[in-house]
Structure formats: C-alpha cells, structure tokens
Protein backbone atom coordinates (compact mmCIF):
# COMPACT_ATOMS: atom_id res chain seq x y z
CA MET A 1 97.03 91.54 114.60
CA LEU A 2 94.51 90.67 111.92
CA LEU A 3 91.91 87.89 111.90
CA TYR A 4 90.30 86.48 108.77
CA VAL A 5 87.46 83.93 108.77
CA HIS A 6 86.46 82.13 105.58
CA ILE A 7 82.81 81.22 105.07
CA PRO A 8 82.85 79.01 101.95
CA PHE A 9 79.14 78.85 101.10
CA CYS A 10 77.34 80.40 98.13
CA LYS A 11 73.89 80.15 96.58
CA ARG A 12 75.65 79.68 93.27
CA LYS A 13 79.31 79.99 92.39
CA CYS A 14 80.11 82.94 90.12
CA ARG A 15 81.46 82.05 86.70
CA TYR A 16 84.76 83.89 87.24
CA CYS A 17 85.39 82.82 90.84
CA SER A 18 88.29 80.55 91.79
CA PHE A 19 87.89 80.93 95.57
CA VAL A 20 87.01 77.88 97.62
CA SER A 21 83.22 77.78 97.92
CA TYR A 22 80.34 75.31 97.99
CA GLU A 23 76.57 75.37 97.74
CA LYS A 24 75.16 75.68 101.25
CA SER A 25 72.79 73.63 103.37
CA GLU A 26 71.93 74.83 106.87
CA SER A 27 73.14 71.65 108.58
CA GLN A 28 76.42 71.82 106.69
CA ALA A 29 76.87 75.47 107.71
CA GLU A 30 76.21 74.67 111.39
CA ARG A 31 78.77 71.85 111.35
CA TYR A 32 81.29 74.09 109.62
CA ILE A 33 80.86 76.89 112.18
CA GLU A 34 81.49 74.42 115.00
CA ASN A 35 84.67 73.32 113.24
CA VAL A 36 85.89 76.91 112.91
CA LEU A 37 85.22 77.51 116.60
CA LYS A 38 87.16 74.34 117.40
CA GLU A 39 90.04 75.62 115.27
CA ALA A 40 89.95 78.93 117.17
CA LYS A 41 90.26 77.03 120.47
CA ASN A 42 93.16 74.99 119.09
CA ARG A 43 95.01 78.11 117.99
CA LYS A 44 94.21 80.45 120.86
CA ASN A 45 97.90 80.67 121.79
CA GLU A 46 98.62 82.34 118.42
CA PHE A 47 96.61 85.40 119.44
CA ILE A 48 99.42 87.10 121.34
CA GLU A 49 98.27 90.61 120.44
CA PRO A 50 94.83 92.27 120.45
CA ILE A 51 92.73 91.72 117.33
CA ASP A 52 92.72 95.05 115.47
CA THR A 53 90.62 93.94 112.50
CA LEU A 54 88.29 91.05 111.71
CA PHE A 55 87.31 90.27 108.13
CA ILE A 56 84.69 87.61 107.45
CA GLY A 57 84.93 86.73 103.76
CA GLY A 58 83.93 84.01 101.41
CA GLY A 59 82.07 82.61 99.70
CA THR A 60 79.03 84.51 100.85
CA PRO A 61 79.02 85.19 104.61
CA SER A 62 75.63 86.91 104.27
CA LEU A 63 74.16 83.43 103.66
CA LEU A 64 74.67 82.53 107.32
CA SER A 65 71.35 82.71 109.13
CA PRO A 66 71.08 85.63 111.60
CA GLY A 67 71.05 83.25 114.56
CA LEU A 68 74.07 81.28 113.37
CA LEU A 69 76.03 84.48 112.66
CA LEU A 70 75.38 85.80 116.17
CA TYR A 71 76.19 82.45 117.76
CA PHE A 72 79.45 82.29 115.82
CA THR A 73 80.71 85.80 116.60
CA ASP A 74 79.69 85.66 120.27
CA SER A 75 81.41 82.28 120.67
CA LEU A 76 84.51 83.39 118.77
CA PHE A 77 85.09 86.50 120.90
CA ARG A 78 84.50 84.46 124.05
CA ILE A 79 86.94 81.72 123.03
CA LEU A 80 89.65 84.22 122.13
CA GLU A 81 88.82 86.43 125.14
CA ALA A 82 88.84 89.31 122.71
CA ASP A 83 87.04 92.63 122.51
CA LYS A 84 85.26 93.54 119.31
CA PRO A 85 87.88 94.82 116.85
CA THR A 86 88.36 98.38 115.66
CA GLU A 87 87.32 97.37 112.15
CA PHE A 88 84.94 94.45 111.61
CA SER A 89 84.13 93.79 107.94
CA ILE A 90 81.74 91.26 106.44
CA GLU A 91 81.50 90.50 102.72
CA SER A 92 78.05 90.08 101.28
CA ASN A 93 76.26 89.41 98.04
CA PRO A 94 73.55 92.08 97.55
CA GLY A 95 71.12 89.38 96.47
CA THR A 96 71.28 87.69 99.88
CA VAL A 97 71.11 90.64 102.31
CA THR A 98 67.94 90.72 104.41
CA GLU A 99 66.69 93.05 107.14
CA GLU A 100 67.11 90.28 109.72
CA TRP A 101 70.65 89.46 108.62
CA MET A 102 71.70 93.13 108.73
CA SER A 103 70.29 93.52 112.22
CA ALA A 104 72.22 90.47 113.40
CA ALA A 105 75.44 91.55 111.68
CA VAL A 106 75.39 94.97 113.34
CA LYS A 107 74.56 93.38 116.69
CA ALA A 108 77.53 91.04 116.18
CA GLY A 109 79.78 94.09 115.86
CA MET A 110 80.08 94.56 112.10
CA ASN A 111 80.95 98.17 111.34
CA ARG A 112 82.12 97.78 107.71
CA LEU A 113 80.03 96.15 104.99
CA SER A 114 81.59 95.05 101.69
CA LEU A 115 79.14 94.55 98.82
CA GLY A 116 79.95 92.79 95.56
CA MET A 117 78.18 95.00 93.00
CA GLN A 118 80.70 94.25 90.18
CA ALA A 119 78.68 95.80 87.32
CA LEU A 120 75.54 97.80 86.65
CA GLN A 121 74.28 96.11 83.49
CA PRO A 122 72.24 92.87 83.78
CA LYS A 123 73.97 91.39 80.72
CA LEU A 124 77.42 91.80 82.29
CA LEU A 125 76.19 90.47 85.63
CA ASN A 126 74.90 87.43 83.76
CA THR A 127 78.30 86.98 82.06
CA LEU A 128 79.88 86.95 85.52
CA GLY A 129 77.23 84.59 86.89
CA ARG A 130 76.06 87.01 89.58
CA ILE A 131 72.69 86.42 91.26
CA HIS A 132 71.88 90.04 92.15
CA THR A 133 70.66 93.20 90.40
CA PHE A 134 71.56 96.86 90.91
CA ALA A 135 68.22 97.24 92.71
CA ASP A 136 69.49 94.69 95.25
CA VAL A 137 72.63 96.79 95.80
CA LYS A 138 70.55 99.89 96.48
CA THR A 139 68.28 98.00 98.87
CA ALA A 140 71.23 96.48 100.76
CA ILE A 141 72.85 99.89 101.23
CA ARG A 142 69.61 101.51 102.38
CA THR A 143 69.17 98.70 104.89
CA ALA A 144 72.74 99.03 106.14
CA ARG A 145 72.36 102.78 106.62
CA ARG A 146 69.16 102.28 108.62
CA TYR A 147 71.11 100.07 111.00
CA GLY A 148 73.85 102.65 111.39
CA VAL A 149 76.57 101.20 109.15
CA SER A 150 78.76 104.18 108.26
CA ASN A 151 81.51 102.38 106.35
CA ILE A 152 80.45 100.63 103.14
CA ASN A 153 82.64 99.27 100.36
CA ILE A 154 81.47 98.45 96.85
CA ASP A 155 83.47 96.01 94.69
CA LEU A 156 83.52 96.67 90.94
CA ILE A 157 85.09 94.78 88.02
CA PHE A 158 86.31 96.18 84.72
CA GLY A 159 87.61 94.31 81.69
CA ILE A 160 84.56 92.01 81.57
CA PRO A 161 84.01 90.25 78.22
CA GLY A 162 81.70 92.44 76.14
CA GLN A 163 82.07 95.47 78.43
CA THR A 164 82.34 98.86 76.76
CA HIS A 165 83.98 101.98 78.14
CA ASP A 166 80.58 103.67 78.43
CA GLN A 167 79.23 100.74 80.44
CA TRP A 168 82.18 101.00 82.82
CA THR A 169 81.70 104.72 83.39
CA GLU A 170 77.97 104.11 83.91
CA THR A 171 78.86 101.48 86.52
CA LEU A 172 81.17 103.94 88.28
CA GLU A 173 78.53 106.68 88.27
CA ALA A 174 75.85 104.30 89.55
CA SER A 175 78.06 103.17 92.42
CA LEU A 176 78.91 106.79 93.28
CA SER A 177 75.20 107.64 93.44
CA LEU A 178 75.00 105.31 96.46
CA HIS A 179 77.69 107.29 98.34
CA PRO A 180 79.84 104.42 99.63
CA GLU A 181 82.87 105.33 101.72
CA HIS A 182 85.12 102.93 99.79
CA ILE A 183 85.25 101.57 96.24
CA SER A 184 87.43 98.70 95.01
CA ALA A 185 87.89 98.58 91.23
CA TYR A 186 89.51 95.37 90.01
CA GLY A 187 90.58 94.37 86.54
CA LEU A 188 89.14 90.96 85.71
CA ILE A 189 91.73 88.17 85.89
CA PRO A 190 90.37 85.01 84.25
CA GLU A 191 91.29 82.08 86.49
CA GLU A 192 92.02 78.70 84.97
CA GLY A 193 89.34 76.12 85.71
CA THR A 194 86.46 78.59 85.95
CA PRO A 195 83.54 78.53 83.47
CA LEU A 196 84.42 82.03 82.30
CA TYR A 197 87.99 80.95 81.55
CA GLU A 198 86.72 78.01 79.53
CA ASP A 199 84.45 80.31 77.51
CA LEU A 200 87.42 82.56 76.77
CA GLN A 201 89.50 79.57 75.70
CA SER A 202 86.78 78.36 73.34
CA GLY A 203 86.16 81.83 71.90
CA THR A 204 82.60 82.00 73.20
CA LEU A 205 83.64 85.14 75.09
CA ILE A 206 86.35 87.67 74.23
CA LEU A 207 88.13 90.00 76.64
CA PRO A 208 88.27 93.73 75.89
CA ASP A 209 91.39 95.00 74.15
CA PRO A 210 94.23 95.77 76.63
CA ASP A 211 94.22 99.43 75.54
CA LEU A 212 90.49 99.64 76.32
CA GLU A 213 91.06 98.03 79.71
CA ARG A 214 93.79 100.58 80.44
CA LYS A 215 91.40 103.36 79.43
CA MET A 216 88.80 101.94 81.86
CA TYR A 217 91.34 102.02 84.67
CA ASP A 218 92.33 105.61 83.81
CA SER A 219 88.67 106.59 83.87
CA ALA A 220 88.28 105.07 87.33
CA LEU A 221 91.24 107.11 88.57
CA SER A 222 89.88 110.40 87.23
CA ILE A 223 86.18 109.90 88.02
CA LEU A 224 86.77 108.68 91.57
CA ARG A 225 89.26 111.49 92.23
CA MET A 226 86.70 114.06 91.05
CA HIS A 227 84.21 112.65 93.55
CA GLY A 228 86.57 112.92 96.52
CA TYR A 229 87.98 109.38 96.63
CA SER A 230 91.71 109.06 97.15
CA GLN A 231 93.55 106.11 95.67
CA TYR A 232 95.65 104.44 98.36
CA GLU A 233 96.38 101.15 96.58
CA ILE A 234 96.32 99.97 92.97
CA SER A 235 92.65 98.94 93.09
CA ASN A 236 91.34 100.70 96.20
CA PHE A 237 89.83 104.15 96.71
CA ALA A 238 88.34 105.74 99.83
CA VAL A 239 87.11 108.97 101.30
CA ASP A 240 89.42 110.31 103.97
CA GLY A 241 89.78 107.98 106.95
CA LYS A 242 87.87 105.05 105.42
CA GLU A 243 90.77 103.07 103.98
CA CYS A 244 90.49 99.34 104.75
CA ARG A 245 92.67 98.75 107.83
CA HIS A 246 92.58 95.00 107.33
CA ASN A 247 93.97 95.04 103.80
CA ILE A 248 96.54 97.68 104.69
CA GLY A 249 97.68 95.30 107.41
CA TYR A 250 98.30 92.59 104.81
CA TRP A 251 100.25 94.98 102.61
CA LYS A 252 102.38 96.09 105.57
CA GLN A 253 103.05 92.50 106.71
CA VAL A 254 101.14 92.71 109.98
CA PRO A 255 100.74 89.18 111.43
CA TYR A 256 97.40 87.55 110.72
CA VAL A 257 95.49 84.38 111.57
CA GLY A 258 93.11 82.79 109.08
CA LEU A 259 90.40 80.45 110.33
CA GLY A 260 88.36 78.14 108.12
CA VAL A 261 88.81 76.11 104.98
CA ALA A 262 91.60 77.43 102.68
CA ALA A 263 92.42 80.28 105.09
CA ALA A 264 96.03 81.47 105.30
CA SER A 265 98.02 82.73 108.29
CA MET A 266 101.31 84.55 108.81
CA THR A 267 103.36 84.96 111.98
CA ILE A 268 106.70 86.71 112.39
CA ILE A 269 109.42 84.53 113.90
CA GLN A 270 112.03 87.27 113.99
CA GLN A 271 112.74 90.71 112.54
CA GLY A 272 115.40 93.37 112.96
CA ASP A 273 119.18 93.15 112.78
CA HIS A 274 119.23 89.45 111.86
CA GLY A 275 116.63 89.80 109.12
CA MET A 276 112.92 89.02 109.00
CA ILE A 277 111.71 85.42 109.06
CA CYS A 278 108.02 84.52 108.77
CA ARG A 279 105.98 81.37 109.10
CA ARG A 280 103.11 80.85 106.69
CA LYS A 281 100.35 78.28 107.03
CA LYS A 282 97.38 77.46 104.84
CA ASN A 283 94.42 75.29 105.73
CA PRO A 284 93.18 72.51 103.42
CA ASP A 285 90.84 73.45 100.57
CA GLN A 286 88.35 70.62 101.11
CA LEU A 287 85.77 70.57 103.91
CA ARG A 288 86.49 66.98 104.96
CA GLU A 289 90.25 67.53 105.02
CA TYR A 290 89.77 70.78 106.94
CA GLU A 291 87.67 68.97 109.55
CA GLU A 292 90.35 66.30 109.86
CA MET A 293 92.98 69.01 110.44
CA VAL A 294 90.85 70.62 113.14
CA PHE A 295 90.52 67.33 114.99
CA GLY A 296 94.21 66.51 114.75
CA GLN A 297 94.15 63.89 112.03
CA ARG A 298 95.82 65.96 109.31
CA ASP A 299 98.46 68.70 109.02
CA PRO A 300 97.81 72.09 107.38
CA ALA A 301 97.95 72.01 103.60
CA GLU A 302 101.00 74.30 103.74
CA ASP A 303 103.37 75.13 106.59
CA LEU A 304 106.60 76.82 105.63
CA VAL A 305 109.23 79.23 106.89
CA VAL A 306 109.94 82.26 104.70
CA ASN A 307 113.58 83.33 104.77
CA PRO A 308 114.95 86.91 105.00
CA ALA A 309 115.52 87.31 101.25
CA GLU A 310 111.93 86.29 100.49
CA THR A 311 110.44 88.54 103.18
CA ARG A 312 112.45 91.51 101.85
CA PHE A 313 111.02 90.93 98.40
CA GLU A 314 107.51 90.63 99.86
CA THR A 315 107.98 94.02 101.52
CA MET A 316 108.79 95.51 98.12
CA MET A 317 106.01 93.64 96.29
CA LEU A 318 103.31 94.57 98.80
CA GLY A 319 104.56 98.08 99.53
CA LEU A 320 104.70 99.08 95.87
CA ARG A 321 101.00 98.20 95.55
CA MET A 322 100.26 101.19 97.78
CA ASN A 323 100.36 104.81 96.72
CA GLU A 324 102.57 105.75 99.65
CA GLY A 325 105.12 103.17 98.51
CA VAL A 326 107.87 101.46 100.52
CA ASP A 327 109.15 103.23 103.63
CA GLU A 328 112.97 103.05 103.78
CA GLU A 329 113.02 103.56 107.55
CA LEU A 330 110.48 100.83 108.22
CA PHE A 331 112.34 98.53 105.82
CA ARG A 332 115.51 98.96 107.89
CA LYS A 333 113.70 98.23 111.16
CA MET A 334 112.04 95.12 109.76
CA HIS A 335 114.96 93.61 107.90
CA GLY A 336 118.09 94.91 109.62
CA ILE A 337 119.52 96.21 106.36
CA THR A 338 118.92 99.31 104.25
CA ILE A 339 116.85 99.20 101.11
CA GLU A 340 119.79 100.87 99.36
CA ASN A 341 122.10 97.97 100.20
CA VAL A 342 119.65 95.39 98.84
CA TYR A 343 117.94 97.07 95.90
CA GLY A 344 119.74 100.41 95.43
CA LYS A 345 121.18 99.96 91.92
CA LYS A 346 117.95 98.56 90.52
CA LEU A 347 115.77 101.19 92.20
CA HIS A 348 117.86 104.07 90.84
CA ARG A 349 117.84 102.54 87.35
CA LEU A 350 114.05 102.22 87.48
CA GLU A 351 113.86 105.81 88.72
CA MET A 352 115.89 106.95 85.70
CA GLN A 353 113.43 105.09 83.47
CA GLY A 354 110.50 107.02 84.99
CA LEU A 355 109.00 103.96 86.66
CA LEU A 356 109.77 104.83 90.29
CA THR A 357 110.07 108.03 92.30
CA HIS A 358 112.04 108.62 95.49
CA SER A 359 110.40 111.19 97.72
CA GLY A 360 111.53 111.73 101.30
CA HIS A 361 112.10 108.20 102.60
CA TYR A 362 109.56 106.50 100.31
CA TRP A 363 110.02 104.64 97.03
CA LYS A 364 106.84 104.74 94.92
CA LEU A 365 105.66 103.56 91.53
CA THR A 366 104.87 106.24 88.97
CA ARG A 367 101.66 106.04 86.96
CA ARG A 368 103.63 104.37 84.17
CA GLY A 369 105.20 102.06 86.75
CA PHE A 370 101.76 100.91 87.94
CA ASP A 371 100.98 99.79 84.38
CA ILE A 372 103.98 97.44 84.27
CA GLN A 373 104.24 96.60 87.96
CA ASN A 374 104.79 92.90 87.33
CA SER A 375 107.81 93.59 85.12
CA ILE A 376 109.30 95.83 87.80
CA LEU A 377 108.85 93.15 90.44
CA VAL A 378 110.52 90.56 88.22
CA GLU A 379 113.53 92.85 87.97
CA LEU A 380 113.62 93.33 91.75
CA MET A 381 113.15 89.62 92.47
CA ASP A 382 116.77 88.63 91.84
CA ASP A 383 118.53 90.65 94.55
C-alpha cells in the first residue's frame, strides 16, 4: 500500500498554487506533527499491508527542522510498526534545502528527492512566485548527491505567461545538465482563486498560444528521449528503473492512506466477479477542523463509497494517462467483467479514428489521443 503525508507549510505561497498551505511558525509545525501522529495512531488498523512507498508532500516539507523531521519519521514508523518503505520521497523547495536538513532526511530514510525547479529564468520564476533560483537547484542537488541520494526528480512547468519556446528548451537543457533520474514536465493549469489566475482574468498576464504550448510539450518529448529518458506517463519521464512507484500506484488504483490536512485516502472494499467498490476519504482543508477530526470532534470532509461503474471509469481514466495503457487482463481481474463488454464499441471507434491503439492486451492512447485525452474520457464516461 501507499502512504502520503501532507506538510502544509510554506515560506510563501506560490502565485499559481491551489494546494492547501500556510505560512509556517515552528510552534505551529510541532503541534501539527503531533496531530498527524495522533491520526496515524487512530488509523493504524487501515494499514493491513506493508507500506511500499511513502511520499511526504506539501506545502514545503523541507521547511521542517531537521530535528522535527527525524522525530516525525521515527515516531511514524514506530506507531505503524512499519519498516522503511522501498521508495521514500520528500518534496522540497530548492530555496529551503540546507546541509542539516538533507542529512536528517537521508537519516530518516528518504531515498528519493523531488525538487520544484519549475523554470530556469528569474523572470518566469517571479511570475510563478517562486522563492528560489537555479543556483539553489544546483546546490540542492550537489548536497543530495553528497549524502548518497541516487534518485532525484525535477519538476518543470511549461505554458507560463510570457514564456517562449526558447526559454522552455533552455529550461529543459539546464535541468538535464544536473543529471536527475526523473523529470516531471507539467503544463500550467491556472487554478481559480490564485493570484496568477486573477492576473490572467484581468489581462495583466497572458497565457502562451495553445499551439505554442503544444510545441513546448513536443519539444519535451523529443529532447528528453534524446537524453535517455523514457516517457511512462503524460507528464513523467525517467531513466530506466527510476519511475515513481508511488505515483504509478495511484494510477493503478493501489490502496493508499493520506495523513494530514486535506489528505485523501482510498481503500478497496471488494473487487473481482462482483465488481470493484472503493471507499474514499478526504481530511478537512483547515488546520483547526483537521485537529478536531483527529480528536474525534468532527468527521472527515468527505467519506464516500465509489460504485463499480465509477471504479471502472477510473481504471480507464488513470490507465490511459500511462504509456503502457490499460491492461485488459488486469481490468477483468479487478472488475469481474471484460473491457470489451463495457467499452468495446467506443474503444474500437476511437481506434478507427487514430486516437487509441490495441496492442497485445493493452489499450493505449496515440500521440494524437494524448492531445485530446479529456474528450476521449468524456466519450468513455457514459458506459
């Protein structure tokens, strides 16, 4: 199973970010960590399988002091009576990584570091509201390597207001010069309620033309392929063997527990001949309400049962994100029905249109299909 822990503290919230985060004080962080450990104790019975991956995200987990990070991870593994997982990732902002923090993170068991580089150019970083520079990224990676971290991801964003194609390729080349094992390249999605969204609405900022954004994505595909990175999901590229196990688990509907404010969880109630039924929970978005939930004074913000039809569609939606596609044999084992019986006519029609391919026992999106994935999913939704 998968474990996610949300650390919702930042030095300053990025202008494009819609994730739940707050400016941090040390006393607030200590209280929050105690609440997460209390939640772990409350939910220990949900950990019925070994923890394969742990992902500590945020927010900015690298803002936790070295001592607090070690206290948290040691206490968490003790509470859950768990060994350190196969893959243990921590997100970090390059502008907050210190020698002491890296030492503590590696001692805690971190073996995969995820750095939010986003862009090379200071002007674009300023548009995004980032607090770091490219020099900070280089320093963070050098520090991680000194402490033996052999699996590093770099997050990049394209489609930033004012970004040119040349700037994007320069960003790609700069990230490649650091030799990370994994690169995530995301198209910017302006989220309502963020400062960047408001600037776009007012005309202060303007997004690149959709054709330019598509060209940026195509450049990422070709440049990363030339440098030995294989695309295994729409936005994710890795050298052989360094694909993110945690995210693949999400896309393959592996059960997961999320601890902390706004964290989501999924357990499987049943699967097989009678269909797949899941239970999804989501913690409250506010710190006070989260604390009340932990101490039994409030229910989760969401707690719902997902029926077989919805879980079948989720299998298609998540599986088609990945380059390997949807496995017909696994679909049958999970849902107790063949993919042909549920989606056959639509899949074959999409195949005739050049949007899907059927190879062996996998259904996959074509390159053209990736471009209009949302439209394909809308067509599959009504089964």
